C-alpha atoms as a PDB file:
ATOM      1  CA  MET A   1     -33.671  64.999   5.352  1.00  0.00           C
ATOM      2  CA  ASP A   2     -31.881  62.424   4.800  1.00  0.00           C
ATOM      3  CA  THR A   3     -30.047  62.682   1.217  1.00  0.00           C
ATOM      4  CA  ALA A   4     -27.486  59.660   1.606  1.00  0.00           C
ATOM      5  CA  ARG A   5     -28.707  57.147  -0.431  1.00  0.00           C
ATOM      6  CA  ARG A   6     -29.172  54.060   0.963  1.00  0.00           C
ATOM      7  CA  PRO A   7     -27.750  50.571  -1.283  1.00  0.00           C
ATOM      8  CA  THR A   8     -30.594  48.560  -2.402  1.00  0.00           C
ATOM      9  CA  ARG A   9     -31.527  45.277  -1.142  1.00  0.00           C
ATOM     10  CA  LYS A  10     -30.521  43.622  -4.524  1.00  0.00           C
ATOM     11  CA  THR A  11     -27.085  45.659  -4.979  1.00  0.00           C
ATOM     12  CA  ALA A  12     -26.190  44.429  -1.055  1.00  0.00           C
ATOM     13  CA  ILE A  13     -26.958  40.161  -1.858  1.00  0.00           C
ATOM     14  CA  VAL A  14     -24.976  40.942  -4.755  1.00  0.00           C
ATOM     15  CA  GLY A  15     -22.026  42.284  -3.096  1.00  0.00           C
ATOM     16  CA  VAL A  16     -21.925  39.551  -0.228  1.00  0.00           C
ATOM     17  CA  VAL A  17     -22.271  36.549  -2.903  1.00  0.00           C
ATOM     18  CA  ILE A  18     -19.003  37.645  -4.890  1.00  0.00           C
ATOM     19  CA  ALA A  19     -17.318  38.288  -1.315  1.00  0.00           C
ATOM     20  CA  VAL A  20     -18.058  35.086  -0.445  1.00  0.00           C
ATOM     21  CA  ALA A  21     -17.042  33.708  -3.622  1.00  0.00           C
ATOM     22  CA  ALA A  22     -13.998  35.290  -3.887  1.00  0.00           C
ATOM     23  CA  GLY A  23     -13.408  33.877   0.200  1.00  0.00           C
ATOM     24  CA  LEU A  24     -13.688  30.259  -1.455  1.00  0.00           C
ATOM     25  CA  THR A  25     -12.112  30.635  -4.597  1.00  0.00           C
ATOM     26  CA  GLY A  26      -8.835  31.118  -1.768  1.00  0.00           C
ATOM     27  CA  CYS A  27      -9.420  27.882  -0.119  1.00  0.00           C
ATOM     28  CA  THR A  28      -9.254  25.660  -3.357  1.00  0.00           C
ATOM     29  CA  ASN A  29      -6.288  25.154  -4.253  1.00  0.00           C
ATOM     30  CA  ALA A  30      -7.024  21.165  -4.784  1.00  0.00           C
ATOM     31  CA  VAL A  31      -5.241  19.749  -8.429  1.00  0.00           C
ATOM     32  CA  ALA A  32      -7.985  18.566 -10.545  1.00  0.00           C
ATOM     33  CA  MET A  33      -7.714  15.041 -11.415  1.00  0.00           C
ATOM     34  CA  SER A  34     -10.160  12.267 -12.561  1.00  0.00           C
ATOM     35  CA  PRO A  35     -10.142   8.945 -10.289  1.00  0.00           C
ATOM     36  CA  ALA A  36      -8.621   5.726 -11.855  1.00  0.00           C
ATOM     37  CA  PRO A  37     -11.315   2.854 -12.261  1.00  0.00           C
ATOM     38  CA  SER A  38     -10.610   0.833  -9.400  1.00  0.00           C
ATOM     39  CA  ALA A  39      -9.713   3.810  -7.470  1.00  0.00           C
ATOM     40  CA  ASP A  40     -12.706   2.743  -4.920  1.00  0.00           C
ATOM     41  CA  ALA A  41     -10.199  -0.624  -3.945  1.00  0.00           C
ATOM     42  CA  ALA A  42      -9.882  -0.701   0.262  1.00  0.00           C
ATOM     43  CA  ALA A  43      -5.810  -1.550  -0.438  1.00  0.00           C
ATOM     44  CA  CYS A  44      -5.929   2.189  -2.724  1.00  0.00           C
ATOM     45  CA  ALA A  45      -7.190   3.845   0.912  1.00  0.00           C
ATOM     46  CA  ALA A  46      -4.472   2.239   2.840  1.00  0.00           C
ATOM     47  CA  VAL A  47      -1.659   3.294   0.329  1.00  0.00           C
ATOM     48  CA  GLN A  48      -3.744   7.106   0.244  1.00  0.00           C
ATOM     49  CA  VAL A  49      -2.945   7.314   4.158  1.00  0.00           C
ATOM     50  CA  ARG A  50       0.856   6.308   3.707  1.00  0.00           C
ATOM     51  CA  LEU A  51       2.088   8.644   1.387  1.00  0.00           C
ATOM     52  CA  PRO A  52       5.118  10.744   1.750  1.00  0.00           C
ATOM     53  CA  ALA A  53       3.900  14.616   2.744  1.00  0.00           C
ATOM     54  CA  ALA A  54       6.430  15.720   0.304  1.00  0.00           C
ATOM     55  CA  VAL A  55       8.311  14.288  -2.355  1.00  0.00           C
ATOM     56  CA  ASP A  56      12.896  14.731  -3.569  1.00  0.00           C
ATOM     57  CA  SER A  57      12.549  16.832  -0.320  1.00  0.00           C
ATOM     58  CA  LYS A  58      11.109  19.577  -2.109  1.00  0.00           C
ATOM     59  CA  PHE A  59       7.631  18.958  -3.104  1.00  0.00           C
ATOM     60  CA  ASP A  60       4.825  19.279  -0.753  1.00  0.00           C
ATOM     61  CA  LEU A  61       1.806  17.185  -1.103  1.00  0.00           C
ATOM     62  CA  ARG A  62      -1.149  18.845  -2.294  1.00  0.00           C
ATOM     63  CA  ASN A  63      -5.267  18.268  -2.105  1.00  0.00           C
ATOM     64  CA  THR A  64      -6.523  16.426  -5.049  1.00  0.00           C
ATOM     65  CA  ASN A  65     -10.763  16.241  -6.216  1.00  0.00           C
ATOM     66  CA  ALA A  66     -10.933  13.138  -7.010  1.00  0.00           C
ATOM     67  CA  GLN A  67     -10.053   9.170  -5.033  1.00  0.00           C
ATOM     68  CA  SER A  68      -7.031   7.227  -5.178  1.00  0.00           C
ATOM     69  CA  THR A  69      -5.178  10.216  -6.055  1.00  0.00           C
ATOM     70  CA  ALA A  70      -2.164  12.498  -5.157  1.00  0.00           C
ATOM     71  CA  ALA A  71      -0.056  15.555  -6.841  1.00  0.00           C
ATOM     72  CA  TRP A  72       2.934  16.998  -5.172  1.00  0.00           C
ATOM     73  CA  GLY A  73       4.462  20.829  -6.547  1.00  0.00           C
ATOM     74  CA  ASP A  74       2.853  23.523  -7.154  1.00  0.00           C
ATOM     75  CA  PRO A  75       2.961  23.490 -10.638  1.00  0.00           C
ATOM     76  CA  GLU A  76       3.121  19.802  -9.746  1.00  0.00           C
ATOM     77  CA  VAL A  77       6.088  17.593 -10.750  1.00  0.00           C
ATOM     78  CA  ALA A  78       4.265  14.218  -9.869  1.00  0.00           C
ATOM     79  CA  LEU A  79       1.058  12.956 -10.215  1.00  0.00           C
ATOM     80  CA  TYR A  80      -0.555   9.589  -8.586  1.00  0.00           C
ATOM     81  CA  HIS A  81      -3.949   7.331  -9.324  1.00  0.00           C
ATOM     82  CA  CYS A  82      -3.827   3.910  -7.630  1.00  0.00           C
ATOM     83  CA  GLY A  83      -6.245   1.520  -9.572  1.00  0.00           C
ATOM     84  CA  VAL A  84      -5.060   1.689 -12.854  1.00  0.00           C
ATOM     85  CA  ALA A  85      -4.898  -0.858 -15.089  1.00  0.00           C
ATOM     86  CA  VAL A  86      -3.321  -4.002 -13.752  1.00  0.00           C
ATOM     87  CA  PRO A  87      -0.674  -4.725 -16.150  1.00  0.00           C
ATOM     88  CA  THR A  88       0.418  -8.720 -16.948  1.00  0.00           C
ATOM     89  CA  VAL A  89       2.704  -8.526 -19.500  1.00  0.00           C
ATOM     90  CA  SER A  90       4.817  -5.337 -20.264  1.00  0.00           C
ATOM     91  CA  ASP A  91       8.147  -5.228 -23.117  1.00  0.00           C
ATOM     92  CA  LEU A  92       8.683  -1.842 -21.170  1.00  0.00           C
ATOM     93  CA  PRO A  93      11.744  -1.476 -18.732  1.00  0.00           C
ATOM     94  CA  CYS A  94      10.835  -3.241 -15.436  1.00  0.00           C
ATOM     95  CA  PHE A  95      12.859  -2.731 -12.539  1.00  0.00           C
ATOM     96  CA  SER A  96      12.303  -3.649  -8.604  1.00  0.00           C
ATOM     97  CA  LEU A  97      12.805  -1.018  -6.133  1.00  0.00           C
ATOM     98  CA  GLY A  98      13.214  -2.793  -2.336  1.00  0.00           C
ATOM     99  CA  ASP A  99      10.065  -5.474  -2.343  1.00  0.00           C
ATOM    100  CA  VAL A 100       8.293  -3.645  -5.626  1.00  0.00           C
ATOM    101  CA  ASP A 101       8.521  -3.901  -9.364  1.00  0.00           C
ATOM    102  CA  TRP A 102       7.903  -1.168 -11.377  1.00  0.00           C
ATOM    103  CA  ILE A 103       7.589  -0.859 -15.299  1.00  0.00           C
ATOM    104  CA  ARG A 104       9.136   2.351 -16.550  1.00  0.00           C
ATOM    105  CA  ASP A 105       7.731   4.116 -19.898  1.00  0.00           C
ATOM    106  CA  ASP A 106       9.817   7.447 -21.333  1.00  0.00           C
ATOM    107  CA  ARG A 107       7.403   9.602 -22.799  1.00  0.00           C
ATOM    108  CA  GLY A 108      10.670  12.246 -23.024  1.00  0.00           C
ATOM    109  CA  GLY A 109       9.414  15.051 -20.589  1.00  0.00           C
ATOM    110  CA  GLN A 110       7.159  13.181 -18.617  1.00  0.00           C
ATOM    111  CA  ILE A 111       8.311   9.045 -17.421  1.00  0.00           C
ATOM    112  CA  VAL A 112       4.782   7.152 -16.299  1.00  0.00           C
ATOM    113  CA  TYR A 113       5.759   4.256 -13.783  1.00  0.00           C
ATOM    114  CA  THR A 114       3.525   2.062 -13.043  1.00  0.00           C
ATOM    115  CA  THR A 115       3.990  -0.706 -10.394  1.00  0.00           C
ATOM    116  CA  PHE A 116       4.106  -3.864 -11.505  1.00  0.00           C
ATOM    117  CA  GLY A 117       3.119  -7.465  -9.823  1.00  0.00           C
ATOM    118  CA  ARG A 118       0.089  -5.204  -7.598  1.00  0.00           C
ATOM    119  CA  SER A 119      -3.130  -4.911  -7.646  1.00  0.00           C
ATOM    120  CA  PRO A 120      -4.861  -2.786  -7.547  1.00  0.00           C
ATOM    121  CA  ALA A 121      -1.680  -1.132  -9.585  1.00  0.00           C
ATOM    122  CA  VAL A 122      -0.791   2.893  -9.152  1.00  0.00           C
ATOM    123  CA  GLN A 123       0.338   4.863 -11.563  1.00  0.00           C
ATOM    124  CA  LEU A 124       3.435   7.425 -11.031  1.00  0.00           C
ATOM    125  CA  VAL A 125       3.857  10.630 -13.865  1.00  0.00           C
ATOM    126  CA  ILE A 126       7.352  12.462 -13.193  1.00  0.00           C
ATOM    127  CA  ASP A 127       7.462  15.731 -14.976  1.00  0.00           C
ATOM    128  CA  ALA A 128      11.341  14.527 -15.847  1.00  0.00           C
ATOM    129  CA  THR A 129      12.346  17.845 -16.331  1.00  0.00           C
ATOM    130  CA  LYS A 130      11.646  19.402 -13.001  1.00  0.00           C
ATOM    131  CA  THR A 131      11.924  16.584 -10.635  1.00  0.00           C
ATOM    132  CA  THR A 132      13.833  12.619 -10.706  1.00  0.00           C
ATOM    133  CA  ASN A 133      13.435   8.601 -10.252  1.00  0.00           C
ATOM    134  CA  GLN A 134      13.371  10.555  -6.282  1.00  0.00           C
ATOM    135  CA  VAL A 135       9.713  10.528  -6.030  1.00  0.00           C
ATOM    136  CA  VAL A 136       9.355   6.592  -6.715  1.00  0.00           C
ATOM    137  CA  GLN A 137      11.751   5.909  -4.062  1.00  0.00           C
ATOM    138  CA  ASP A 138       9.595   7.872  -1.986  1.00  0.00           C
ATOM    139  CA  VAL A 139       6.493   6.808  -2.529  1.00  0.00           C
ATOM    140  CA  THR A 140       7.467   3.609  -2.607  1.00  0.00           C
ATOM    141  CA  ASP A 141       6.944   2.285   1.070  1.00  0.00           C
ATOM    142  CA  ALA A 142       3.500   3.126   0.925  1.00  0.00           C
ATOM    143  CA  VAL A 143       2.864   1.034  -2.473  1.00  0.00           C
ATOM    144  CA  SER A 144       4.397  -1.508  -0.963  1.00  0.00           C
ATOM    145  CA  THR A 145       1.377  -2.227   0.953  1.00  0.00           C
ATOM    146  CA  LEU A 146      -0.427  -3.624  -1.753  1.00  0.00           C
ATOM    147  CA  PRO A 147      -1.272  -7.022  -2.996  1.00  0.00           C
ATOM    148  CA  LYS A 148       1.058  -9.046  -4.447  1.00  0.00           C
ATOM    149  CA  ASP A 149      -0.603 -10.537  -8.104  1.00  0.00           C
ATOM    150  CA  GLY A 150       2.086 -13.095  -8.867  1.00  0.00           C
ATOM    151  CA  HIS A 151       4.022 -11.434 -11.884  1.00  0.00           C
ATOM    152  CA  GLN A 152       7.344  -9.854 -11.035  1.00  0.00           C
ATOM    153  CA  CYS A 153      10.199  -8.431 -12.871  1.00  0.00           C
ATOM    154  CA  LEU A 154      11.724 -10.531 -15.168  1.00  0.00           C
ATOM    155  CA  ASP A 155      15.676 -10.811 -16.651  1.00  0.00           C
ATOM    156  CA  PRO A 156      15.949 -11.578 -19.868  1.00  0.00           C
ATOM    157  CA  SER A 157      17.719 -14.409 -19.416  1.00  0.00           C
ATOM    158  CA  ASP A 158      14.449 -15.926 -17.142  1.00  0.00           C
ATOM    159  CA  VAL A 159      12.394 -15.525 -20.454  1.00  0.00           C
ATOM    160  CA  ASP A 160      12.594 -18.042 -23.004  1.00  0.00           C
ATOM    161  CA  GLN A 161      12.663 -17.165 -26.545  1.00  0.00           C
END
């Protein structure tokens, strides 16, 4: 007579479910993000495939869970959204980097860079305590493929008072 008890079917199923869930948890390293309003623009997809695999020479590109987004670093030091609202006028500092104009919004520990004169627009949020504006330089080539909308950074002397 066999006195050893076999696990019940219910116990075995629960064990399998826990093992599968634990295995899947290890595979999901995606950064939780929300898509921008125009994230489905074809131009965003064209930029997405050109984004660098690393920024600032040390922060690797990570998977995200939203269309036309990107994140670098673990924890994240830079977050990218394509399809944000296109700025037309701004009193924030504006500068050109290569063929791309950027608006810079310094928010203390974070600096938000938004393309100016491109549609759809891109926003890049950088943790200024962990990286530098090198991140902007690293993504500029990819972003330069976005269509121009006619706006550009102006020198204050170019603006009528």
